[in-house]
Amino acid sequence: PTKFVMFSLVGGLGIVVHMAVLALLFGPLEV
């Protein structure tokens, strides 16, 4: 389904956002 392809592309972007925020919080901010 076309919408599923678009939804999955956004999901891939979400993984990037997740890892970037995690790296920032767990690293420099020492959370």
PDB file of all heavy atoms in Angstrom:
ATOM      1  N   PRO A   1       0.828  -1.222   0.000  1.00  0.00           N
ATOM      2  CA  PRO A   1       0.000   0.000   0.000  1.00  0.00           C
ATOM      3  C   PRO A   1       0.857   1.265   0.000  1.00  0.00           C
ATOM      4  O   PRO A   1       1.854   1.356   0.725  1.00  0.00           O
ATOM      5  CB  PRO A   1      -0.799  -0.126   1.305  1.00  0.00           C
ATOM      6  CG  PRO A   1      -0.860  -1.591   1.558  1.00  0.00           C
ATOM      7  CD  PRO A   1       0.455  -2.152   1.080  1.00  0.00           C
ATOM      8  N   THR A   2       0.464   2.224  -0.815  1.00  0.00           N
ATOM      9  CA  THR A   2       1.244   3.451  -0.967  1.00  0.00           C
ATOM     10  C   THR A   2       1.439   4.173   0.355  1.00  0.00           C
ATOM     11  O   THR A   2       2.543   4.633   0.684  1.00  0.00           O
ATOM     12  CB  THR A   2       0.548   4.386  -1.973  1.00  0.00           C
ATOM     13  OG1 THR A   2       0.364   3.687  -3.197  1.00  0.00           O
ATOM     14  CG2 THR A   2       1.380   5.635  -2.211  1.00  0.00           C
ATOM     15  N   LYS A   3       0.378   4.294   1.137  1.00  0.00           N
ATOM     16  CA  LYS A   3       0.482   4.988   2.415  1.00  0.00           C
ATOM     17  C   LYS A   3       1.446   4.268   3.357  1.00  0.00           C
ATOM     18  O   LYS A   3       2.125   4.897   4.161  1.00  0.00           O
ATOM     19  CB  LYS A   3      -0.897   5.103   3.079  1.00  0.00           C
ATOM     20  CG  LYS A   3      -1.869   6.044   2.378  1.00  0.00           C
ATOM     21  CD  LYS A   3      -1.463   7.491   2.518  1.00  0.00           C
ATOM     22  CE  LYS A   3      -2.555   8.424   2.008  1.00  0.00           C
ATOM     23  NZ  LYS A   3      -2.109   9.836   1.962  1.00  0.00           N
ATOM     24  N   PHE A   4       1.504   2.932   3.265  1.00  0.00           N
ATOM     25  CA  PHE A   4       2.417   2.179   4.123  1.00  0.00           C
ATOM     26  C   PHE A   4       3.868   2.482   3.761  1.00  0.00           C
ATOM     27  O   PHE A   4       4.729   2.567   4.644  1.00  0.00           O
ATOM     28  CB  PHE A   4       2.152   0.680   4.019  1.00  0.00           C
ATOM     29  CG  PHE A   4       3.040  -0.158   4.897  1.00  0.00           C
ATOM     30  CD1 PHE A   4       2.920  -0.107   6.277  1.00  0.00           C
ATOM     31  CD2 PHE A   4       4.004  -0.978   4.342  1.00  0.00           C
ATOM     32  CE1 PHE A   4       3.742  -0.868   7.096  1.00  0.00           C
ATOM     33  CE2 PHE A   4       4.832  -1.751   5.154  1.00  0.00           C
ATOM     34  CZ  PHE A   4       4.706  -1.700   6.532  1.00  0.00           C
ATOM     35  N   VAL A   5       4.145   2.645   2.465  1.00  0.00           N
ATOM     36  CA  VAL A   5       5.500   3.009   2.043  1.00  0.00           C
ATOM     37  C   VAL A   5       5.880   4.371   2.629  1.00  0.00           C
ATOM     38  O   VAL A   5       6.971   4.547   3.185  1.00  0.00           O
ATOM     39  CB  VAL A   5       5.609   3.039   0.505  1.00  0.00           C
ATOM     40  CG1 VAL A   5       6.983   3.548   0.068  1.00  0.00           C
ATOM     41  CG2 VAL A   5       5.361   1.652  -0.073  1.00  0.00           C
ATOM     42  N   MET A   6       4.979   5.329   2.533  1.00  0.00           N
ATOM     43  CA  MET A   6       5.241   6.667   3.061  1.00  0.00           C
ATOM     44  C   MET A   6       5.384   6.630   4.581  1.00  0.00           C
ATOM     45  O   MET A   6       6.253   7.280   5.152  1.00  0.00           O
ATOM     46  CB  MET A   6       4.122   7.621   2.627  1.00  0.00           C
ATOM     47  CG  MET A   6       3.972   7.740   1.108  1.00  0.00           C
ATOM     48  SD  MET A   6       2.507   8.654   0.562  1.00  0.00           S
ATOM     49  CE  MET A   6       3.030  10.340   0.893  1.00  0.00           C
ATOM     50  N   PHE A   7       4.517   5.848   5.231  1.00  0.00           N
ATOM     51  CA  PHE A   7       4.574   5.693   6.685  1.00  0.00           C
ATOM     52  C   PHE A   7       5.911   5.086   7.110  1.00  0.00           C
ATOM     53  O   PHE A   7       6.513   5.494   8.106  1.00  0.00           O
ATOM     54  CB  PHE A   7       3.414   4.799   7.128  1.00  0.00           C
ATOM     55  CG  PHE A   7       3.195   4.732   8.609  1.00  0.00           C
ATOM     56  CD1 PHE A   7       2.405   5.658   9.252  1.00  0.00           C
ATOM     57  CD2 PHE A   7       3.761   3.707   9.366  1.00  0.00           C
ATOM     58  CE1 PHE A   7       2.181   5.589  10.630  1.00  0.00           C
ATOM     59  CE2 PHE A   7       3.552   3.633  10.731  1.00  0.00           C
ATOM     60  CZ  PHE A   7       2.760   4.573  11.366  1.00  0.00           C
ATOM     61  N   SER A   8       6.406   4.115   6.346  1.00  0.00           N
ATOM     62  CA  SER A   8       7.673   3.448   6.672  1.00  0.00           C
ATOM     63  C   SER A   8       8.863   4.381   6.478  1.00  0.00           C
ATOM     64  O   SER A   8       9.837   4.336   7.238  1.00  0.00           O
ATOM     65  CB  SER A   8       7.834   2.190   5.820  1.00  0.00           C
ATOM     66  OG  SER A   8       6.797   1.267   6.077  1.00  0.00           O
ATOM     67  N   LEU A   9       8.788   5.234   5.449  1.00  0.00           N
ATOM     68  CA  LEU A   9       9.852   6.214   5.243  1.00  0.00           C
ATOM     69  C   LEU A   9       9.950   7.154   6.445  1.00  0.00           C
ATOM     70  O   LEU A   9      11.049   7.483   6.907  1.00  0.00           O
ATOM     71  CB  LEU A   9       9.590   7.016   3.964  1.00  0.00           C
ATOM     72  CG  LEU A   9       9.748   6.260   2.643  1.00  0.00           C
ATOM     73  CD1 LEU A   9       9.303   7.137   1.475  1.00  0.00           C
ATOM     74  CD2 LEU A   9      11.192   5.821   2.439  1.00  0.00           C
ATOM     75  N   VAL A  10       8.811   7.557   6.951  1.00  0.00           N
ATOM     76  CA  VAL A  10       8.798   8.419   8.133  1.00  0.00           C
ATOM     77  C   VAL A  10       9.327   7.657   9.343  1.00  0.00           C
ATOM     78  O   VAL A  10      10.055   8.205  10.176  1.00  0.00           O
ATOM     79  CB  VAL A  10       7.377   8.952   8.410  1.00  0.00           C
ATOM     80  CG1 VAL A  10       7.335   9.757   9.703  1.00  0.00           C
ATOM     81  CG2 VAL A  10       6.905   9.814   7.244  1.00  0.00           C
ATOM     82  N   GLY A  11       8.992   6.372   9.422  1.00  0.00           N
ATOM     83  CA  GLY A  11       9.501   5.550  10.510  1.00  0.00           C
ATOM     84  C   GLY A  11      11.018   5.470  10.508  1.00  0.00           C
ATOM     85  O   GLY A  11      11.663   5.500  11.571  1.00  0.00           O
ATOM     86  N   GLY A  12      11.597   5.388   9.315  1.00  0.00           N
ATOM     87  CA  GLY A  12      13.056   5.397   9.215  1.00  0.00           C
ATOM     88  C   GLY A  12      13.639   6.690   9.739  1.00  0.00           C
ATOM     89  O   GLY A  12      14.673   6.688  10.435  1.00  0.00           O
ATOM     90  N   LEU A  13      12.974   7.805   9.428  1.00  0.00           N
ATOM     91  CA  LEU A  13      13.415   9.094   9.962  1.00  0.00           C
ATOM     92  C   LEU A  13      13.305   9.108  11.482  1.00  0.00           C
ATOM     93  O   LEU A  13      14.172   9.663  12.182  1.00  0.00           O
ATOM     94  CB  LEU A  13      12.553  10.216   9.366  1.00  0.00           C
ATOM     95  CG  LEU A  13      12.797  11.633   9.904  1.00  0.00           C
ATOM     96  CD1 LEU A  13      14.211  12.083   9.579  1.00  0.00           C
ATOM     97  CD2 LEU A  13      11.772  12.604   9.328  1.00  0.00           C
ATOM     98  N   GLY A  14      12.271   8.451  12.009  1.00  0.00           N
ATOM     99  CA  GLY A  14      12.090   8.402  13.456  1.00  0.00           C
ATOM    100  C   GLY A  14      13.227   7.682  14.162  1.00  0.00           C
ATOM    101  O   GLY A  14      13.620   8.064  15.275  1.00  0.00           O
ATOM    102  N   ILE A  15      13.772   6.664  13.517  1.00  0.00           N
ATOM    103  CA  ILE A  15      14.920   5.961  14.103  1.00  0.00           C
ATOM    104  C   ILE A  15      16.114   6.901  14.228  1.00  0.00           C
ATOM    105  O   ILE A  15      16.822   6.925  15.238  1.00  0.00           O
ATOM    106  CB  ILE A  15      15.284   4.724  13.249  1.00  0.00           C
ATOM    107  CG1 ILE A  15      14.152   3.693  13.320  1.00  0.00           C
ATOM    108  CG2 ILE A  15      16.598   4.105  13.724  1.00  0.00           C
ATOM    109  CD1 ILE A  15      14.345   2.516  12.387  1.00  0.00           C
ATOM    110  N   VAL A  16      16.333   7.713  13.186  1.00  0.00           N
ATOM    111  CA  VAL A  16      17.438   8.678  13.209  1.00  0.00           C
ATOM    112  C   VAL A  16      17.233   9.681  14.346  1.00  0.00           C
ATOM    113  O   VAL A  16      18.166   9.996  15.103  1.00  0.00           O
ATOM    114  CB  VAL A  16      17.547   9.406  11.850  1.00  0.00           C
ATOM    115  CG1 VAL A  16      18.608  10.505  11.917  1.00  0.00           C
ATOM    116  CG2 VAL A  16      17.888   8.413  10.744  1.00  0.00           C
ATOM    117  N   VAL A  17      16.004  10.190  14.474  1.00  0.00           N
ATOM    118  CA  VAL A  17      15.696  11.148  15.545  1.00  0.00           C
ATOM    119  C   VAL A  17      15.921  10.508  16.907  1.00  0.00           C
ATOM    120  O   VAL A  17      16.533  11.109  17.808  1.00  0.00           O
ATOM    121  CB  VAL A  17      14.242  11.650  15.414  1.00  0.00           C
ATOM    122  CG1 VAL A  17      13.846  12.484  16.633  1.00  0.00           C
ATOM    123  CG2 VAL A  17      14.072  12.465  14.143  1.00  0.00           C
ATOM    124  N   HIS A  18      15.437   9.290  17.066  1.00  0.00           N
ATOM    125  CA  HIS A  18      15.589   8.581  18.341  1.00  0.00           C
ATOM    126  C   HIS A  18      17.062   8.454  18.730  1.00  0.00           C
ATOM    127  O   HIS A  18      17.452   8.777  19.867  1.00  0.00           O
ATOM    128  CB  HIS A  18      14.950   7.189  18.232  1.00  0.00           C
ATOM    129  CG  HIS A  18      15.026   6.389  19.493  1.00  0.00           C
ATOM    130  ND1 HIS A  18      13.930   6.175  20.298  1.00  0.00           N
ATOM    131  CD2 HIS A  18      16.064   5.753  20.099  1.00  0.00           C
ATOM    132  CE1 HIS A  18      14.289   5.456  21.342  1.00  0.00           C
ATOM    133  NE2 HIS A  18      15.587   5.171  21.240  1.00  0.00           N
ATOM    134  N   MET A  19      17.882   7.984  17.801  1.00  0.00           N
ATOM    135  CA  MET A  19      19.289   7.764  18.114  1.00  0.00           C
ATOM    136  C   MET A  19      20.012   9.077  18.392  1.00  0.00           C
ATOM    137  O   MET A  19      20.885   9.145  19.262  1.00  0.00           O
ATOM    138  CB  MET A  19      19.965   7.016  16.964  1.00  0.00           C
ATOM    139  CG  MET A  19      19.412   5.616  16.714  1.00  0.00           C
ATOM    140  SD  MET A  19      19.435   4.570  18.188  1.00  0.00           S
ATOM    141  CE  MET A  19      21.207   4.393  18.427  1.00  0.00           C
ATOM    142  N   ALA A  20      19.650  10.132  17.662  1.00  0.00           N
ATOM    143  CA  ALA A  20      20.300  11.428  17.875  1.00  0.00           C
ATOM    144  C   ALA A  20      19.971  11.979  19.263  1.00  0.00           C
ATOM    145  O   ALA A  20      20.859  12.485  19.982  1.00  0.00           O
ATOM    146  CB  ALA A  20      19.861  12.407  16.789  1.00  0.00           C
ATOM    147  N   VAL A  21      18.689  11.898  19.657  1.00  0.00           N
ATOM    148  CA  VAL A  21      18.285  12.398  20.970  1.00  0.00           C
ATOM    149  C   VAL A  21      18.914  11.547  22.074  1.00  0.00           C
ATOM    150  O   VAL A  21      19.397  12.070  23.091  1.00  0.00           O
ATOM    151  CB  VAL A  21      16.749  12.406  21.089  1.00  0.00           C
ATOM    152  CG1 VAL A  21      16.319  12.756  22.516  1.00  0.00           C
ATOM    153  CG2 VAL A  21      16.153  13.394  20.102  1.00  0.00           C
ATOM    154  N   LEU A  22      18.921  10.232  21.893  1.00  0.00           N
ATOM    155  CA  LEU A  22      19.515   9.343  22.886  1.00  0.00           C
ATOM    156  C   LEU A  22      21.001   9.640  23.076  1.00  0.00           C
ATOM    157  O   LEU A  22      21.499   9.699  24.209  1.00  0.00           O
ATOM    158  CB  LEU A  22      19.304   7.886  22.468  1.00  0.00           C
ATOM    159  CG  LEU A  22      19.880   6.818  23.409  1.00  0.00           C
ATOM    160  CD1 LEU A  22      19.231   6.914  24.785  1.00  0.00           C
ATOM    161  CD2 LEU A  22      19.676   5.423  22.813  1.00  0.00           C
ATOM    162  N   ALA A  23      21.709   9.838  21.955  1.00  0.00           N
ATOM    163  CA  ALA A  23      23.135  10.134  22.037  1.00  0.00           C
ATOM    164  C   ALA A  23      23.396  11.445  22.771  1.00  0.00           C
ATOM    165  O   ALA A  23      24.339  11.560  23.563  1.00  0.00           O
ATOM    166  CB  ALA A  23      23.735  10.188  20.629  1.00  0.00           C
ATOM    167  N   LEU A  24      22.541  12.439  22.533  1.00  0.00           N
ATOM    168  CA  LEU A  24      22.697  13.732  23.195  1.00  0.00           C
ATOM    169  C   LEU A  24      22.423  13.630  24.695  1.00  0.00           C
ATOM    170  O   LEU A  24      23.192  14.149  25.521  1.00  0.00           O
ATOM    171  CB  LEU A  24      21.748  14.749  22.560  1.00  0.00           C
ATOM    172  CG  LEU A  24      21.707  16.142  23.209  1.00  0.00           C
ATOM    173  CD1 LEU A  24      23.060  16.825  23.069  1.00  0.00           C
ATOM    174  CD2 LEU A  24      20.610  16.989  22.588  1.00  0.00           C
ATOM    175  N   LEU A  25      21.337  12.959  25.056  1.00  0.00           N
ATOM    176  CA  LEU A  25      20.966  12.864  26.468  1.00  0.00           C
ATOM    177  C   LEU A  25      21.931  11.984  27.259  1.00  0.00           C
ATOM    178  O   LEU A  25      22.373  12.346  28.355  1.00  0.00           O
ATOM    179  CB  LEU A  25      19.540  12.309  26.597  1.00  0.00           C
ATOM    180  CG  LEU A  25      18.409  13.207  26.080  1.00  0.00           C
ATOM    181  CD1 LEU A  25      17.081  12.466  26.135  1.00  0.00           C
ATOM    182  CD2 LEU A  25      18.324  14.499  26.872  1.00  0.00           C
ATOM    183  N   PHE A  26      22.264  10.825  26.718  1.00  0.00           N
ATOM    184  CA  PHE A  26      23.101   9.875  27.435  1.00  0.00           C
ATOM    185  C   PHE A  26      24.571  10.290  27.431  1.00  0.00           C
ATOM    186  O   PHE A  26      25.327   9.932  28.336  1.00  0.00           O
ATOM    187  CB  PHE A  26      22.942   8.490  26.805  1.00  0.00           C
ATOM    188  CG  PHE A  26      23.644   7.400  27.556  1.00  0.00           C
ATOM    189  CD1 PHE A  26      23.328   7.115  28.878  1.00  0.00           C
ATOM    190  CD2 PHE A  26      24.659   6.667  26.952  1.00  0.00           C
ATOM    191  CE1 PHE A  26      23.984   6.112  29.579  1.00  0.00           C
ATOM    192  CE2 PHE A  26      25.325   5.661  27.648  1.00  0.00           C
ATOM    193  CZ  PHE A  26      24.980   5.379  28.962  1.00  0.00           C
ATOM    194  N   GLY A  27      24.948  11.081  26.403  1.00  0.00           N
ATOM    195  CA  GLY A  27      26.338  11.515  26.298  1.00  0.00           C
ATOM    196  C   GLY A  27      26.588  12.824  27.000  1.00  0.00           C
ATOM    197  O   GLY A  27      26.760  12.865  28.236  1.00  0.00           O
ATOM    198  N   PRO A  28      26.611  13.933  26.278  1.00  0.00           N
ATOM    199  CA  PRO A  28      26.962  15.238  26.855  1.00  0.00           C
ATOM    200  C   PRO A  28      26.094  15.647  28.045  1.00  0.00           C
ATOM    201  O   PRO A  28      26.582  16.264  28.994  1.00  0.00           O
ATOM    202  CB  PRO A  28      26.769  16.203  25.681  1.00  0.00           C
ATOM    203  CG  PRO A  28      26.909  15.356  24.467  1.00  0.00           C
ATOM    204  CD  PRO A  28      26.362  14.018  24.821  1.00  0.00           C
ATOM    205  N   LEU A  29      24.796  15.325  28.031  1.00  0.00           N
ATOM    206  CA  LEU A  29      23.906  15.757  29.112  1.00  0.00           C
ATOM    207  C   LEU A  29      23.896  14.792  30.296  1.00  0.00           C
ATOM    208  O   LEU A  29      23.296  15.091  31.333  1.00  0.00           O
ATOM    209  CB  LEU A  29      22.481  15.937  28.568  1.00  0.00           C
ATOM    210  CG  LEU A  29      22.327  16.996  27.477  1.00  0.00           C
ATOM    211  CD1 LEU A  29      20.873  17.132  27.051  1.00  0.00           C
ATOM    212  CD2 LEU A  29      22.865  18.344  27.937  1.00  0.00           C
ATOM    213  N   GLU A  30      24.514  13.624  30.134  1.00  0.00           N
ATOM    214  CA  GLU A  30      24.712  12.644  31.220  1.00  0.00           C
ATOM    215  C   GLU A  30      23.406  12.236  31.912  1.00  0.00           C
ATOM    216  O   GLU A  30      23.340  12.097  33.131  1.00  0.00           O
ATOM    217  CB  GLU A  30      25.713  13.184  32.252  1.00  0.00           C
ATOM    218  CG  GLU A  30      27.093  13.451  31.662  1.00  0.00           C
ATOM    219  CD  GLU A  30      28.079  13.945  32.704  1.00  0.00           C
ATOM    220  OE1 GLU A  30      27.635  14.271  33.822  1.00  0.00           O
ATOM    221  OE2 GLU A  30      29.276  13.982  32.400  1.00  0.00           O
ATOM    222  N   VAL A  31      22.373  12.065  31.132  1.00  0.00           N
ATOM    223  CA  VAL A  31      21.112  11.542  31.656  1.00  0.00           C
ATOM    224  C   VAL A  31      21.223  10.019  31.726  1.00  0.00           C
ATOM    225  O   VAL A  31      21.831   9.386  30.855  1.00  0.00           O
ATOM    226  CB  VAL A  31      19.939  11.960  30.753  1.00  0.00           C
ATOM    227  CG1 VAL A  31      18.631  11.354  31.246  1.00  0.00           C
ATOM    228  CG2 VAL A  31      19.833  13.482  30.695  1.00  0.00           C
TER     229      VAL A  31
END
